[in-house]
Amino acid sequence: MIDFISSVTDVATNEIQIENIITEEAGAYYENQKSAEEVADIIQSRVSLYLSENS
């Protein structure tokens, strides 16, 4: 997933912020600190909050 995100070259400001959220939270999964489901829930929550505050 990270390789895909890194390969995208044409992004808007909102998308960069969402990418940052994903990157920050995905680390906990790859370091075996949280399950994929926990990380997905956190990412969804943070992105929803970000979008509601910035739309």
Protein backbone atom coordinates (compact mmCIF):
# COMPACT_ATOMS: atom_id res chain seq x y z
CA MET A 1 0.00 0.00 0.00
CA ILE A 2 2.78 2.40 0.89
CA ASP A 3 4.48 1.81 -2.49
CA PHE A 4 1.23 2.63 -4.25
CA ILE A 5 0.73 5.82 -2.25
CA SER A 6 4.32 6.85 -2.93
CA SER A 7 3.88 6.27 -6.66
CA VAL A 8 1.04 8.77 -7.00
CA THR A 9 2.41 12.04 -8.37
CA ASP A 10 -0.64 14.26 -8.84
CA VAL A 11 -2.35 14.82 -5.51
CA ALA A 12 -4.36 17.57 -3.92
CA THR A 13 -3.63 19.02 -0.48
CA ASN A 14 -6.40 16.97 1.16
CA GLU A 15 -4.99 13.81 -0.35
CA ILE A 16 -1.54 14.59 1.04
CA GLN A 17 -2.98 14.99 4.51
CA ILE A 18 -4.88 11.71 4.16
CA GLU A 19 -1.69 10.01 2.96
CA ASN A 20 0.07 11.32 6.08
CA ILE A 21 -2.65 9.87 8.32
CA ILE A 22 -2.39 6.48 6.61
CA THR A 23 1.40 6.47 6.81
CA GLU A 24 1.40 7.43 10.50
CA GLU A 25 -1.12 4.80 11.51
CA ALA A 26 0.13 1.98 9.25
CA GLY A 27 3.40 1.92 11.16
CA ALA A 28 1.69 0.39 14.19
CA TYR A 29 0.48 -2.50 12.03
CA TYR A 30 3.87 -3.15 10.46
CA GLU A 31 5.51 -3.05 13.89
CA ASN A 32 2.97 -5.63 15.16
CA GLN A 33 1.58 -3.18 17.72
CA LYS A 34 -1.99 -3.20 16.34
CA SER A 35 -4.10 -5.45 14.14
CA ALA A 36 -5.06 -4.50 10.60
CA GLU A 37 -8.65 -4.01 11.77
CA GLU A 38 -7.59 -1.66 14.58
CA VAL A 39 -5.43 0.38 12.22
CA ALA A 40 -8.19 0.53 9.60
CA ASP A 41 -10.68 1.76 12.23
CA ILE A 42 -8.27 4.45 13.42
CA ILE A 43 -7.50 5.57 9.87
CA GLN A 44 -11.19 5.71 8.99
CA SER A 45 -11.95 7.73 12.10
CA ARG A 46 -9.09 10.19 11.57
CA VAL A 47 -9.84 10.67 7.85
CA SER A 48 -13.55 11.21 8.56
CA LEU A 49 -12.70 13.79 11.19
CA TYR A 50 -10.20 15.50 8.90
CA LEU A 51 -12.70 15.65 6.03
CA SER A 52 -15.49 16.97 8.23
CA GLU A 53 -13.23 19.73 9.54
CA ASN A 54 -11.83 20.66 6.10
CA SER A 55 -14.76 20.53 3.71
